[in-house]
């Protein structure tokens, strides 16, 4: 959330937009069987407060049939000549505004994975259940966002109503005074105009919050009088131990996801180490940025991850198209099938990575926004202590109160988006309790099952992965990661995938004070590389190298850096990057 509040127009549009993307396949399996036992035309009435699990239960039970059938229809009934790149563009250019690039990347990857599975698997019953499960996940994610939006809206509508009554009363007094006297003093006139503007802004908040509540009603089939929301906590959705690193969730994904079970049946049994190796070799830049000290808050890192996600989604969709155009059973078809499975496995691991980084990004955004909230609250407290405030001071106070509402809304939305990202991270790790049998139950039974299943699956995943990591270090199993400079060797094969000018275009480098030339597993490797670089590039002659230790995920790295003026460092990086060497401005 770099510049504005994401998902401004509601989570339903955002999540359901995936099902509206143009996709294609032959007419086979175009008609999916409707299970009318699940889709309820007479929703249960509400008993007690609605927590986030009850909201997820209602959202999935009462919408999943229509959502899954709509998704199947889009997959199988569109123009077979549509270029997969156009499909990606349709997703990126959908009507979801103000979104994080990583959210867009997540949706693109999700579409690419669903599209690939639909073209790899011939079992109609499997595909029916697969699309059903995916639709349920999308609806559950939407429910998390809508629940928090509606809870916040309910609280703020009451607060805004009180503020509107007070300020409207004052505006009416000034209006009556102007009618009596025919004019107002310059100070009163200025105050009245400011009140009119403020009331307009408050009215816009009221409309926005009313829309949030209407979205909740639509998604959950709850009557307005029944809406009593519990929203102070999302339970385990807020509890995320930073020790649960990306690798933990990737291990779980390879073990639990249906896509890897299909691959095992048709092609081979993929190991997580092999898939990571393929991803790193083909798309190395974000790993380099990790080691060089960049984080998800840095624009260059977010852009690199976005580019990686779109690149692999694009490759996956194009390889699926090649598979569809080859004769089934031929040698070309078998080669293409293997390529699609390779791409699919990589896309799933990157799905995990994107969701994980979205959680981190939300944490950073929330902390930054809370700091702004604290500043505005302090300003309001000081202004409220002023005795006989002037018109300008009253206007300033009112504007700060309006700014506070906007900032509090932003924090509430960030919390909801973080919960969505975390839930999607679990989904991407293969932890999904949704089934048709579950959806046949009563709302209370579904609610209890969701709460228990999420917690049980999480504990089971972490304990299993921890045991595997202790008994088998993943990075060493194929031998590819041995040696001090394994990363440098792997990356050499991946430069063709990156835009060599990217590091110099990012805002983070505009006032650079150092240029980082690489990160190494040993001091000697860093010094050896400096000797090679400085002997080849005259522009480095004036600099003295700084080799600084850093720890990334518990591992020591040696960063080779030179310090200097920003403009001169840009010249250095331009020359190195043009020759396909690494150079990052910080």
Protein backbone atom coordinates (compact mmCIF):
# COMPACT_ATOMS: atom_id res chain seq x y z
CA UNK A 1 0.00 0.00 0.00
CA UNK A 2 2.37 2.62 -1.25
CA UNK A 3 0.22 5.60 -2.10
CA UNK A 4 -3.40 4.95 -1.24
CA UNK A 5 -5.83 2.55 0.34
CA UNK A 6 -6.03 -0.70 -1.54
CA UNK A 7 -9.30 -2.41 -2.49
CA UNK A 8 -11.15 0.90 -2.35
CA UNK A 9 -14.11 -0.51 -4.24
CA UNK A 10 -14.59 -3.63 -2.15
CA UNK A 11 -13.23 -7.11 -1.77
CA UNK A 12 -16.03 -8.82 -3.66
CA UNK A 13 -14.99 -7.16 -6.91
CA UNK A 14 -11.35 -7.90 -6.18
CA UNK A 15 -11.71 -11.59 -5.45
CA UNK A 16 -14.44 -12.41 -7.90
CA UNK A 17 -12.64 -10.61 -10.72
CA UNK A 18 -10.51 -13.74 -11.06
CA UNK A 19 -13.52 -15.73 -12.19
CA UNK A 20 -14.33 -13.08 -14.80
CA UNK A 21 -11.06 -13.44 -16.69
CA UNK A 22 -11.20 -14.68 -20.26
CA UNK A 23 -9.86 -18.23 -20.54
CA UNK A 24 -10.28 -21.09 -22.97
CA UNK A 25 -10.39 -24.77 -23.66
CA UNK A 26 -12.19 -27.21 -25.96
CA UNK A 27 -15.80 -28.00 -25.22
CA UNK A 28 -14.81 -31.06 -23.17
CA UNK A 29 -16.11 -30.75 -19.61
CA UNK A 30 -17.78 -27.46 -20.52
CA UNK A 31 -20.93 -28.38 -18.63
CA UNK A 32 -20.26 -28.84 -14.92
CA UNK A 33 -22.78 -30.62 -12.74
CA UNK A 34 -24.61 -28.28 -10.38
CA UNK A 35 -24.91 -29.51 -6.80
CA UNK A 36 -28.12 -27.90 -5.72
CA UNK A 37 -27.84 -29.41 -2.25
CA UNK A 38 -25.20 -26.87 -1.29
CA UNK A 39 -26.45 -23.60 -2.66
CA UNK A 40 -29.03 -22.40 -0.14
CA UNK A 41 -31.95 -20.28 -1.28
CA UNK A 42 -33.16 -19.83 2.32
CA UNK A 43 -30.14 -18.78 4.40
CA UNK A 44 -30.10 -19.47 8.12
CA UNK A 45 -30.92 -16.62 10.44
CA UNK A 46 -28.13 -15.22 12.59
CA UNK A 47 -27.66 -16.29 16.20
CA UNK A 48 -25.45 -14.03 18.29
CA UNK A 49 -22.48 -12.04 17.02
CA UNK A 50 -20.90 -12.76 13.65
CA UNK A 51 -17.19 -13.45 13.94
CA UNK A 52 -14.85 -13.79 10.98
CA UNK A 53 -15.26 -17.59 10.81
CA UNK A 54 -19.03 -17.34 10.68
CA UNK A 55 -18.66 -14.74 7.95
CA UNK A 56 -16.41 -17.10 5.97
CA UNK A 57 -18.85 -19.96 6.50
CA UNK A 58 -21.83 -17.95 5.20
CA UNK A 59 -19.89 -16.43 2.29
CA UNK A 60 -18.75 -19.81 1.02
CA UNK A 61 -21.94 -21.79 1.68
CA UNK A 62 -24.26 -19.33 -0.05
CA UNK A 63 -22.04 -18.35 -3.00
CA UNK A 64 -19.70 -21.20 -3.84
CA UNK A 65 -22.01 -23.02 -6.26
CA UNK A 66 -22.50 -19.98 -8.44
CA UNK A 67 -18.84 -18.99 -8.17
CA UNK A 68 -17.46 -22.43 -9.11
CA UNK A 69 -19.88 -22.89 -12.00
CA UNK A 70 -19.06 -19.41 -13.27
CA UNK A 71 -15.34 -20.13 -13.06
CA UNK A 72 -15.75 -23.41 -14.93
CA UNK A 73 -17.82 -21.72 -17.61
CA UNK A 74 -15.12 -19.09 -18.14
CA UNK A 75 -12.36 -21.69 -18.33
CA UNK A 76 -14.01 -23.94 -20.87
CA UNK A 77 -16.26 -21.77 -23.05
CA UNK A 78 -14.14 -18.90 -24.40
CA UNK A 79 -12.27 -18.23 -27.65
CA UNK A 80 -9.66 -21.01 -28.10
CA UNK A 81 -7.38 -18.64 -30.03
CA UNK A 82 -7.03 -16.12 -27.22
CA UNK A 83 -3.39 -15.40 -26.42
CA UNK A 84 -2.56 -16.21 -22.78
CA UNK A 85 -0.74 -12.88 -22.53
CA UNK A 86 -4.06 -11.14 -23.16
CA UNK A 87 -5.54 -13.12 -20.27
CA UNK A 88 -2.88 -11.80 -17.92
CA UNK A 89 -3.49 -8.28 -19.19
CA UNK A 90 -7.23 -8.69 -18.55
CA UNK A 91 -6.49 -9.51 -14.92
CA UNK A 92 -4.02 -6.66 -14.47
CA UNK A 93 -6.39 -4.19 -16.12
CA UNK A 94 -9.51 -5.28 -14.25
CA UNK A 95 -11.66 -2.86 -12.29
CA UNK A 96 -9.70 -3.28 -9.05
CA UNK A 97 -8.07 0.09 -8.37
CA UNK A 98 -5.34 1.23 -5.98
CA UNK A 99 -4.00 -2.29 -5.55
CA UNK A 100 -0.57 -3.41 -4.47
CA UNK A 101 1.49 -4.80 -7.32
CA UNK A 102 1.90 -7.95 -5.26
CA UNK A 103 -1.87 -8.41 -4.97
CA UNK A 104 -2.10 -8.19 -8.76
CA UNK A 105 0.77 -10.70 -9.03
CA UNK A 106 -1.06 -13.06 -6.67
CA UNK A 107 -4.19 -12.98 -8.83
CA UNK A 108 -2.20 -13.54 -12.01
CA UNK A 109 -0.42 -16.55 -10.52
CA UNK A 110 -3.70 -17.96 -9.20
CA UNK A 111 -5.27 -17.75 -12.63
CA UNK A 112 -2.23 -19.31 -14.31
CA UNK A 113 -2.22 -22.25 -11.88
CA UNK A 114 -5.97 -22.91 -12.28
CA UNK A 115 -5.73 -22.65 -16.06
CA UNK A 116 -2.78 -25.06 -16.18
CA UNK A 117 -4.43 -27.69 -13.98
CA UNK A 118 -7.62 -27.53 -16.06
CA UNK A 119 -5.53 -28.36 -19.13
CA UNK A 120 -3.39 -31.05 -17.50
CA UNK A 121 -6.07 -33.16 -15.83
CA UNK A 122 -8.70 -35.16 -17.76
CA UNK A 123 -10.74 -36.35 -14.79
CA UNK A 124 -13.96 -34.28 -14.87
CA UNK A 125 -14.85 -35.08 -11.25
CA UNK A 126 -11.44 -33.98 -10.05
CA UNK A 127 -11.67 -30.70 -11.96
CA UNK A 128 -15.18 -30.10 -10.61
CA UNK A 129 -13.94 -30.51 -7.03
CA UNK A 130 -10.76 -28.54 -7.74
CA UNK A 131 -12.63 -25.51 -9.07
CA UNK A 132 -15.10 -25.79 -6.22
CA UNK A 133 -12.28 -25.70 -3.67
CA UNK A 134 -10.58 -22.76 -5.36
CA UNK A 135 -13.83 -20.79 -5.49
CA UNK A 136 -14.41 -21.47 -1.80
CA UNK A 137 -10.93 -20.14 -1.00
CA UNK A 138 -11.54 -16.96 -2.99
CA UNK A 139 -14.84 -16.39 -1.21
CA UNK A 140 -13.28 -17.00 2.20
CA UNK A 141 -10.60 -14.42 1.44
CA UNK A 142 -13.24 -11.94 0.32
CA UNK A 143 -15.19 -12.64 3.51
CA UNK A 144 -12.21 -11.70 5.69
CA UNK A 145 -11.90 -8.33 3.99
CA UNK A 146 -15.63 -7.61 3.93
CA UNK A 147 -16.02 -8.58 7.59
CA UNK A 148 -13.40 -6.11 8.77
CA UNK A 149 -14.70 -3.35 6.49
CA UNK A 150 -18.25 -3.77 7.79
CA UNK A 151 -17.14 -3.93 11.43
CA UNK A 152 -15.14 -0.73 11.10
CA UNK A 153 -17.95 0.95 9.13
CA UNK A 154 -20.53 0.15 11.82
CA UNK A 155 -18.39 1.77 14.51
CA UNK A 156 -17.41 4.82 12.48
CA UNK A 157 -20.90 5.58 11.19
CA UNK A 158 -22.03 6.31 14.73
CA UNK A 159 -19.02 8.52 15.39
CA UNK A 160 -19.45 10.41 12.12
CA UNK A 161 -23.17 10.88 12.75
CA UNK A 162 -22.38 12.65 16.04
CA UNK A 163 -19.76 14.85 14.37
CA UNK A 164 -22.12 15.69 11.49
CA UNK A 165 -24.91 16.70 13.88
CA UNK A 166 -22.60 19.04 15.78
CA UNK A 167 -21.09 20.68 12.72
CA UNK A 168 -24.36 20.86 10.81
CA UNK A 169 -25.91 22.67 13.75
CA UNK A 170 -23.11 25.23 13.63
CA UNK A 171 -23.39 25.57 9.84
CA UNK A 172 -27.15 26.14 10.17
CA UNK A 173 -26.53 28.83 12.80
CA UNK A 174 -24.17 30.66 10.45
CA UNK A 175 -26.61 30.28 7.58
CA UNK A 176 -29.45 31.75 9.66
CA UNK A 177 -27.17 34.58 10.78
CA UNK A 178 -26.34 35.36 7.15
CA UNK A 179 -30.06 35.32 6.26
CA UNK A 180 -30.83 37.75 9.09
CA UNK A 181 -27.95 40.14 8.46
CA UNK A 182 -27.54 39.68 4.74
CA UNK A 183 -23.83 38.99 5.20
CA UNK A 184 -21.21 37.45 7.49
CA UNK A 185 -17.89 38.64 8.76
CA UNK A 186 -14.90 37.42 6.79
CA UNK A 187 -13.97 35.06 9.62
CA UNK A 188 -17.50 33.60 9.89
CA UNK A 189 -17.76 33.28 6.11
CA UNK A 190 -14.48 31.41 5.95
CA UNK A 191 -15.60 29.13 8.76
CA UNK A 192 -18.95 28.44 7.06
CA UNK A 193 -17.27 27.49 3.77
CA UNK A 194 -14.90 25.19 5.61
CA UNK A 195 -17.83 23.58 7.45
CA UNK A 196 -19.63 22.98 4.15
CA UNK A 197 -16.52 21.27 2.71
CA UNK A 198 -16.06 19.19 5.86
CA UNK A 199 -19.71 18.09 5.85
CA UNK A 200 -19.31 17.03 2.23
CA UNK A 201 -16.26 14.92 3.11
CA UNK A 202 -18.06 13.37 6.06
CA UNK A 203 -21.00 12.57 3.79
CA UNK A 204 -18.62 10.76 1.43
CA UNK A 205 -17.36 8.68 4.36
CA UNK A 206 -20.94 7.80 5.27
CA UNK A 207 -21.67 6.65 1.71
CA UNK A 208 -18.48 4.59 1.59
CA UNK A 209 -19.18 2.93 4.92
CA UNK A 210 -22.79 2.24 3.95
CA UNK A 211 -21.47 0.49 0.84
CA UNK A 212 -19.17 -1.64 3.02
CA UNK A 213 -22.14 -2.83 5.04
CA UNK A 214 -24.17 -3.48 1.88
CA UNK A 215 -21.31 -5.62 0.53
CA UNK A 216 -21.35 -7.62 3.74
CA UNK A 217 -25.10 -8.16 3.47
CA UNK A 218 -24.74 -9.28 -0.15
CA UNK A 219 -21.89 -11.72 0.45
CA UNK A 220 -23.21 -13.32 3.65
CA UNK A 221 -26.97 -13.15 3.04
CA UNK A 222 -27.49 -11.41 6.38
CA UNK A 223 -30.35 -9.00 6.99
CA UNK A 224 -29.33 -5.47 8.10
CA UNK A 225 -31.02 -5.87 11.49
CA UNK A 226 -29.01 -9.06 12.11
CA UNK A 227 -25.57 -7.49 11.64
CA UNK A 228 -23.79 -7.61 14.98
CA UNK A 229 -20.12 -8.08 14.23
CA UNK A 230 -17.24 -9.27 16.37
CA UNK A 231 -14.14 -7.79 14.79
CA UNK A 232 -11.51 -6.79 17.31
CA UNK A 233 -9.43 -9.87 16.54
CA UNK A 234 -9.07 -12.27 13.66
CA UNK A 235 -7.89 -14.92 16.12
CA UNK A 236 -4.96 -16.87 14.66
CA UNK A 237 -5.14 -14.72 11.54
CA UNK A 238 -3.30 -12.06 13.54
CA UNK A 239 -0.77 -14.43 15.11
CA UNK A 240 2.18 -15.01 12.81
CA UNK A 241 5.57 -16.03 14.13
CA UNK A 242 8.37 -14.55 12.02
CA UNK A 243 10.24 -17.84 12.45
CA UNK A 244 7.71 -19.37 10.06
CA UNK A 245 9.82 -18.51 7.03
CA UNK A 246 8.96 -18.88 3.36
CA UNK A 247 10.69 -22.25 3.16
CA UNK A 248 8.32 -23.70 5.78
CA UNK A 249 5.28 -22.88 3.68
CA UNK A 250 6.93 -24.00 0.45
CA UNK A 251 7.73 -27.38 2.00
CA UNK A 252 4.08 -27.72 2.97
CA UNK A 253 2.91 -26.71 -0.51
CA UNK A 254 4.98 -29.43 -2.21
CA UNK A 255 3.70 -31.99 0.26
CA UNK A 256 0.01 -30.96 0.36
CA UNK A 257 -1.03 -29.30 -2.90
CA UNK A 258 -3.16 -31.33 -5.33
CA UNK A 259 -1.08 -30.01 -8.23
CA UNK A 260 1.99 -31.92 -7.01
CA UNK A 261 -0.09 -35.08 -6.60
CA UNK A 262 -1.12 -34.78 -10.26
CA UNK A 263 2.52 -34.29 -11.26
CA UNK A 264 3.55 -37.39 -9.29
CA UNK A 265 0.88 -39.45 -11.05
CA UNK A 266 1.60 -38.21 -14.57
CA UNK A 267 5.27 -37.15 -14.67
CA UNK A 268 7.40 -37.35 -11.55
CA UNK A 269 7.60 -36.64 -7.85
CA UNK A 270 8.95 -33.10 -7.45
CA UNK A 271 11.16 -32.28 -4.48
CA UNK A 272 11.05 -28.81 -2.98
CA UNK A 273 14.81 -28.48 -3.39
CA UNK A 274 14.57 -29.16 -7.13
CA UNK A 275 11.78 -26.65 -7.62
CA UNK A 276 13.62 -23.98 -5.62
CA UNK A 277 16.70 -24.57 -7.70
CA UNK A 278 14.73 -24.11 -10.93
CA UNK A 279 13.14 -20.90 -9.65
CA UNK A 280 16.45 -19.50 -8.48
CA UNK A 281 18.22 -20.34 -11.71
CA UNK A 282 15.53 -18.83 -13.92
CA UNK A 283 14.53 -15.86 -11.75
CA UNK A 284 17.47 -14.95 -9.49
CA UNK A 285 17.04 -11.24 -8.86
CA UNK A 286 14.89 -11.28 -5.71
CA UNK A 287 17.27 -13.73 -4.05
CA UNK A 288 20.13 -11.37 -4.81
CA UNK A 289 18.14 -8.48 -3.37
CA UNK A 290 17.48 -10.52 -0.20
CA UNK A 291 21.17 -11.08 0.30
CA UNK A 292 22.07 -7.50 -0.54
CA UNK A 293 19.84 -6.17 2.22
CA UNK A 294 16.73 -5.04 0.36
CA UNK A 295 13.33 -5.68 1.91
CA UNK A 296 9.72 -5.71 0.73
CA UNK A 297 9.31 -2.05 1.73
CA UNK A 298 11.85 -1.13 -0.98
CA UNK A 299 10.24 -0.37 -4.30
CA UNK A 300 12.97 -2.19 -6.20
CA UNK A 301 12.24 -5.41 -4.28
CA UNK A 302 8.48 -5.23 -4.78
CA UNK A 303 8.94 -4.55 -8.49
CA UNK A 304 11.42 -7.43 -8.87
CA UNK A 305 9.03 -9.89 -7.20
CA UNK A 306 6.13 -8.60 -9.29
CA UNK A 307 8.19 -9.05 -12.47
CA UNK A 308 9.20 -12.55 -11.42
CA UNK A 309 5.61 -13.59 -10.71
CA UNK A 310 4.34 -12.23 -14.02
CA UNK A 311 7.23 -13.77 -15.94
CA UNK A 312 6.59 -17.27 -14.67
CA UNK A 313 2.81 -16.92 -15.06
CA UNK A 314 3.32 -15.77 -18.63
CA UNK A 315 5.66 -18.68 -19.36
CA UNK A 316 3.26 -21.17 -17.78
CA UNK A 317 0.31 -19.97 -19.85
CA UNK A 318 2.31 -19.97 -23.06
CA UNK A 319 3.61 -23.47 -22.40
CA UNK A 320 0.04 -24.63 -21.75
CA UNK A 321 -0.90 -23.22 -25.13
CA UNK A 322 1.95 -25.15 -26.76
CA UNK A 323 0.72 -28.30 -25.03
CA UNK A 324 -2.81 -27.77 -26.32
CA UNK A 325 -1.56 -27.31 -29.87
CA UNK A 326 0.57 -30.48 -29.88
CA UNK A 327 -0.82 -33.92 -30.65
CA UNK A 328 -1.63 -35.78 -27.48
CA UNK A 329 0.76 -38.68 -26.88
CA UNK A 330 3.39 -37.41 -29.33
CA UNK A 331 6.96 -36.71 -28.29
CA UNK A 332 6.36 -32.97 -28.59
CA UNK A 333 3.31 -33.31 -26.36
CA UNK A 334 5.28 -35.18 -23.68
CA UNK A 335 8.03 -32.55 -23.76
CA UNK A 336 5.47 -29.75 -23.45
CA UNK A 337 3.66 -31.55 -20.65
CA UNK A 338 6.91 -31.79 -18.68
CA UNK A 339 7.57 -28.08 -19.25
CA UNK A 340 4.10 -27.17 -18.01
CA UNK A 341 4.57 -29.21 -14.84
CA UNK A 342 7.97 -27.60 -14.26
CA UNK A 343 6.40 -24.16 -14.65
CA UNK A 344 3.40 -25.09 -12.51
CA UNK A 345 5.59 -26.24 -9.62
CA UNK A 346 7.61 -23.02 -9.81
CA UNK A 347 4.43 -20.90 -9.94
CA UNK A 348 3.14 -22.52 -6.75
CA UNK A 349 6.34 -21.76 -4.85
CA UNK A 350 6.22 -18.17 -6.07
CA UNK A 351 2.57 -17.98 -4.96
CA UNK A 352 3.81 -18.79 -1.47
CA UNK A 353 6.55 -16.19 -1.75
CA UNK A 354 4.19 -13.44 -2.93
CA UNK A 355 1.65 -14.15 -0.16
CA UNK A 356 4.40 -14.19 2.45
CA UNK A 357 5.77 -10.86 1.25
CA UNK A 358 2.26 -9.39 1.24
CA UNK A 359 2.05 -10.21 4.95
CA UNK A 360 5.38 -8.47 5.52
CA UNK A 361 4.34 -5.51 3.39
CA UNK A 362 1.11 -5.15 5.35
CA UNK A 363 3.05 -5.18 8.62
CA UNK A 364 5.32 -2.39 7.38
CA UNK A 365 2.37 -0.38 6.04
CA UNK A 366 0.45 -0.78 9.30
CA UNK A 367 3.36 0.41 11.44
CA UNK A 368 3.93 3.44 9.20
CA UNK A 369 0.23 4.35 9.23
CA UNK A 370 -0.04 3.96 13.00
CA UNK A 371 2.81 6.44 13.39
CA UNK A 372 0.82 8.93 11.32
CA UNK A 373 -2.26 8.27 13.44
CA UNK A 374 -0.30 8.98 16.61
CA UNK A 375 0.87 12.33 15.19
CA UNK A 376 -2.67 13.40 14.25
CA UNK A 377 -4.12 12.33 17.61
CA UNK A 378 -1.50 14.36 19.44
CA UNK A 379 -2.29 17.37 17.27
CA UNK A 380 -6.02 16.99 18.01
CA UNK A 381 -5.40 16.80 21.77
CA UNK A 382 -3.38 20.00 21.71
CA UNK A 383 -5.96 21.85 19.63
CA UNK A 384 -8.87 20.73 21.83
CA UNK A 385 -7.19 22.41 24.81
CA UNK A 386 -7.25 25.83 23.12
CA UNK A 387 -9.67 28.20 24.86
CA UNK A 388 -11.76 30.36 22.53
CA UNK A 389 -10.21 29.03 19.35
CA UNK A 390 -10.19 31.20 16.25
CA UNK A 391 -11.96 30.19 13.06
CA UNK A 392 -8.67 29.01 11.57
CA UNK A 393 -7.97 26.90 14.64
CA UNK A 394 -11.46 25.38 14.54
CA UNK A 395 -11.03 24.56 10.86
CA UNK A 396 -7.63 22.98 11.54
CA UNK A 397 -9.09 20.83 14.31
CA UNK A 398 -11.98 19.66 12.15
CA UNK A 399 -9.68 18.82 9.25
CA UNK A 400 -7.45 16.83 11.57
CA UNK A 401 -10.47 14.85 12.82
CA UNK A 402 -11.40 14.04 9.23
CA UNK A 403 -7.80 13.05 8.48
CA UNK A 404 -7.87 10.78 11.53
CA UNK A 405 -10.96 8.97 10.24
CA UNK A 406 -9.22 8.37 6.91
CA UNK A 407 -6.06 7.11 8.60
CA UNK A 408 -8.02 4.82 10.94
CA UNK A 409 -9.90 3.44 7.96
CA UNK A 410 -6.59 2.78 6.26
CA UNK A 411 -5.25 0.89 9.29
CA UNK A 412 -8.41 -1.21 9.48
CA UNK A 413 -8.09 -2.08 5.81
CA UNK A 414 -4.41 -2.95 6.16
CA UNK A 415 -5.26 -5.32 9.03
CA UNK A 416 -7.90 -6.99 6.88
CA UNK A 417 -5.55 -7.24 3.91
CA UNK A 418 -2.88 -8.75 6.12
CA UNK A 419 -5.37 -11.36 7.34
CA UNK A 420 -6.31 -12.09 3.73
CA UNK A 421 -2.66 -12.46 2.74
CA UNK A 422 -1.98 -14.77 5.69
CA UNK A 423 -5.02 -16.90 4.94
CA UNK A 424 -3.98 -17.10 1.27
CA UNK A 425 -0.50 -18.10 2.42
CA UNK A 426 -2.03 -21.05 4.25
CA UNK A 427 -4.19 -21.86 1.23
CA UNK A 428 -1.10 -21.75 -1.00
CA UNK A 429 0.64 -24.12 1.40
CA UNK A 430 -2.18 -26.61 0.78
CA UNK A 431 -4.11 -26.00 3.99
CA UNK A 432 -7.69 -25.77 2.78
CA UNK A 433 -10.60 -27.41 4.63
CA UNK A 434 -13.23 -26.69 1.99
CA UNK A 435 -15.25 -29.52 0.47
CA UNK A 436 -18.78 -30.09 -0.75
CA UNK A 437 -19.45 -32.30 2.25
CA UNK A 438 -18.47 -29.50 4.62
CA UNK A 439 -20.68 -26.98 2.83
CA UNK A 440 -23.74 -29.21 3.27
CA UNK A 441 -23.60 -28.66 7.02
CA UNK A 442 -25.25 -25.98 9.10
CA UNK A 443 -23.51 -22.63 9.49
CA UNK A 444 -22.49 -23.28 13.09
CA UNK A 445 -20.96 -26.65 12.17
CA UNK A 446 -19.06 -25.10 9.25
CA UNK A 447 -17.84 -22.28 11.49
CA UNK A 448 -16.49 -24.68 14.09
CA UNK A 449 -14.88 -26.84 11.41
CA UNK A 450 -13.14 -23.88 9.80
CA UNK A 451 -11.77 -22.62 13.10
CA UNK A 452 -10.52 -26.03 14.19
CA UNK A 453 -9.21 -27.05 10.77
CA UNK A 454 -7.17 -23.88 10.28
CA UNK A 455 -5.45 -24.27 13.65
CA UNK A 456 -4.97 -28.03 13.34
CA UNK A 457 -3.54 -27.84 9.84
CA UNK A 458 -1.16 -25.06 10.79
CA UNK A 459 0.25 -26.98 13.77
CA UNK A 460 0.53 -30.15 11.69
CA UNK A 461 2.31 -28.32 8.87
CA UNK A 462 4.86 -26.68 11.13
CA UNK A 463 5.66 -29.83 13.09
CA UNK A 464 6.04 -31.89 9.91
CA UNK A 465 8.22 -29.37 8.13
CA UNK A 466 10.42 -28.86 11.18
CA UNK A 467 11.07 -32.60 11.36
CA UNK A 468 11.93 -32.74 7.66
CA UNK A 469 14.27 -29.77 7.91
CA UNK A 470 16.13 -31.33 10.83
CA UNK A 471 16.54 -34.66 9.07
CA UNK A 472 17.23 -33.39 5.55
CA UNK A 473 18.67 -29.95 4.75
CA UNK A 474 16.78 -29.13 1.57
CA UNK A 475 19.40 -26.90 -0.04
CA UNK A 476 22.04 -29.62 0.06
CA UNK A 477 20.07 -32.61 -1.17
CA UNK A 478 20.95 -32.29 -4.85
CA UNK A 479 24.43 -30.91 -4.34
CA UNK A 480 23.74 -27.75 -6.30
CA UNK A 481 24.17 -25.44 -3.31
CA UNK A 482 27.60 -26.69 -2.24
CA UNK A 483 30.57 -24.38 -2.26
CA UNK A 484 31.12 -20.83 -1.09
CA UNK A 485 30.02 -19.19 -4.34
CA UNK A 486 27.07 -21.35 -5.35
CA UNK A 487 24.73 -18.36 -5.63
CA UNK A 488 27.12 -16.40 -7.83
CA UNK A 489 27.37 -19.39 -10.20
CA UNK A 490 23.62 -19.93 -10.35
CA UNK A 491 22.90 -16.28 -10.99
CA UNK A 492 25.23 -16.10 -13.99
CA UNK A 493 22.71 -18.15 -15.98
CA UNK A 494 19.82 -15.88 -15.07
CA UNK A 495 20.86 -12.41 -16.18
CA UNK A 496 18.90 -12.69 -19.42
CA UNK A 497 15.66 -12.48 -17.42
CA UNK A 498 16.27 -9.10 -15.83
CA UNK A 499 16.04 -5.53 -16.99
CA UNK A 500 19.61 -4.32 -16.54
CA UNK A 501 18.48 -0.73 -15.98
CA UNK A 502 15.97 -1.53 -13.23
CA UNK A 503 18.20 -0.74 -10.21
CA UNK A 504 18.89 2.77 -11.53
CA UNK A 505 15.26 3.71 -12.09
CA UNK A 506 13.96 3.04 -8.58
CA UNK A 507 13.27 5.86 -6.16
CA UNK A 508 15.37 4.19 -3.49
CA UNK A 509 18.52 4.90 -5.54
CA UNK A 510 17.93 8.57 -6.33
CA UNK A 511 20.00 9.76 -3.35
CA UNK A 512 22.34 6.81 -3.17
CA UNK A 513 25.33 6.95 -0.87
CA UNK A 514 26.79 3.55 -1.76
CA UNK A 515 27.00 1.11 -4.64
CA UNK A 516 26.89 -2.58 -3.73
CA UNK A 517 28.81 -4.76 -6.16
CA UNK A 518 27.92 -8.14 -4.74
CA UNK A 519 27.37 -10.35 -1.70
CA UNK A 520 29.55 -13.37 -0.99
CA UNK A 521 29.80 -16.27 1.40
CA UNK A 522 33.45 -15.49 2.26
CA UNK A 523 35.67 -12.43 2.67
CA UNK A 524 38.23 -13.85 0.24
CA UNK A 525 35.61 -14.25 -2.50
CA UNK A 526 34.54 -10.63 -2.09
CA UNK A 527 38.14 -9.38 -2.25
CA UNK A 528 38.92 -11.55 -5.26
CA UNK A 529 35.93 -10.15 -7.09
CA UNK A 530 36.99 -6.59 -6.25
CA UNK A 531 40.42 -7.20 -7.77
CA UNK A 532 38.82 -8.46 -10.99
CA UNK A 533 36.32 -5.60 -11.19
CA UNK A 534 38.77 -2.81 -10.35
CA UNK A 535 41.28 -4.07 -12.91
CA UNK A 536 38.61 -4.16 -15.63
CA UNK A 537 36.74 -0.91 -14.92
CA UNK A 538 38.77 2.30 -14.72
CA UNK A 539 35.81 4.08 -13.10
CA UNK A 540 36.52 2.09 -9.89
CA UNK A 541 40.12 3.27 -9.54
CA UNK A 542 39.28 6.19 -7.21
CA UNK A 543 37.34 4.01 -4.76
CA UNK A 544 38.42 1.92 -1.81
CA UNK A 545 36.34 -1.20 -1.26
CA UNK A 546 34.38 -1.77 1.93
CA UNK A 547 33.62 -5.40 2.74
CA UNK A 548 30.93 -5.48 5.42
CA UNK A 549 29.48 -8.44 7.25
CA UNK A 550 25.73 -9.01 7.27
CA UNK A 551 23.44 -11.79 8.49
CA UNK A 552 20.49 -12.88 6.35
CA UNK A 553 18.24 -15.64 7.72
CA UNK A 554 21.00 -16.67 10.11
CA UNK A 555 23.73 -16.88 7.42
CA UNK A 556 26.74 -14.61 7.22
CA UNK A 557 27.35 -12.70 3.99
CA UNK A 558 30.10 -10.30 2.96
CA UNK A 559 28.82 -7.31 1.03
CA UNK A 560 31.25 -5.60 -1.34
CA UNK A 561 30.53 -1.86 -1.36
CA UNK A 562 31.97 1.45 -2.44
CA UNK A 563 30.86 4.79 -0.98
CA UNK A 564 30.68 8.12 -2.77
CA UNK A 565 28.52 10.81 -4.35
CA UNK A 566 25.19 9.79 -5.84
CA UNK A 567 25.80 11.02 -9.39
CA UNK A 568 29.24 9.40 -9.55
CA UNK A 569 27.92 6.10 -8.19
CA UNK A 570 25.24 6.05 -10.89
CA UNK A 571 27.99 6.27 -13.52
CA UNK A 572 29.76 3.35 -11.84
CA UNK A 573 26.62 1.23 -11.81
CA UNK A 574 25.75 2.10 -15.41
CA UNK A 575 29.09 0.81 -16.65
CA UNK A 576 28.96 -2.38 -14.60
CA UNK A 577 25.35 -3.18 -15.45
CA UNK A 578 25.92 -2.54 -19.15
CA UNK A 579 28.59 -5.24 -18.96
CA UNK A 580 26.20 -7.60 -17.14
CA UNK A 581 27.78 -7.26 -13.71
CA UNK A 582 25.76 -6.63 -10.58
CA UNK A 583 25.50 -3.16 -9.09
CA UNK A 584 22.82 -1.96 -6.69
CA UNK A 585 22.49 1.63 -5.50
CA UNK A 586 21.45 2.23 -1.89
